[in-house]
């Protein structure tokens, strides 16, 4: 089973930006709902953003709205998470997760139970 691969994490100062990438060779990501989850130190993993197949819908956790943008590049077969104005509380391991192949039009979820393919994660550290 193909697993997604994340990249783009790193160390930034508060207020900085990063762009995370999610790739999956051998499958068409457009057929999948894709979500980003974050696990902060000492906390449970939480869903922060998702995008439905065909990019009909996007969803964000309340605390990241206006700072994070999820998008797809169907030519490159990748999903991105642009993160701006980063804060120390954004620190954590970021995971890309896939649901699908899906047949519904629209809709995505920030509930990890619906995702069955997970990447290994990429570390994001925001210093104050």
Foldseek 3Di string as FASTA:
>chain_A
DWFKAKDWADEEAQQAKIKMKIATPPDQCLLKKKWKWWDAPPGDIWTAKIAGRVRPDIDGDPVQPPFWDWDDDRVRSMIMIIGGRDDQVRWGWMKMFIADSDDDPDDDDGDCVRTDHIYPTDTHGYHD
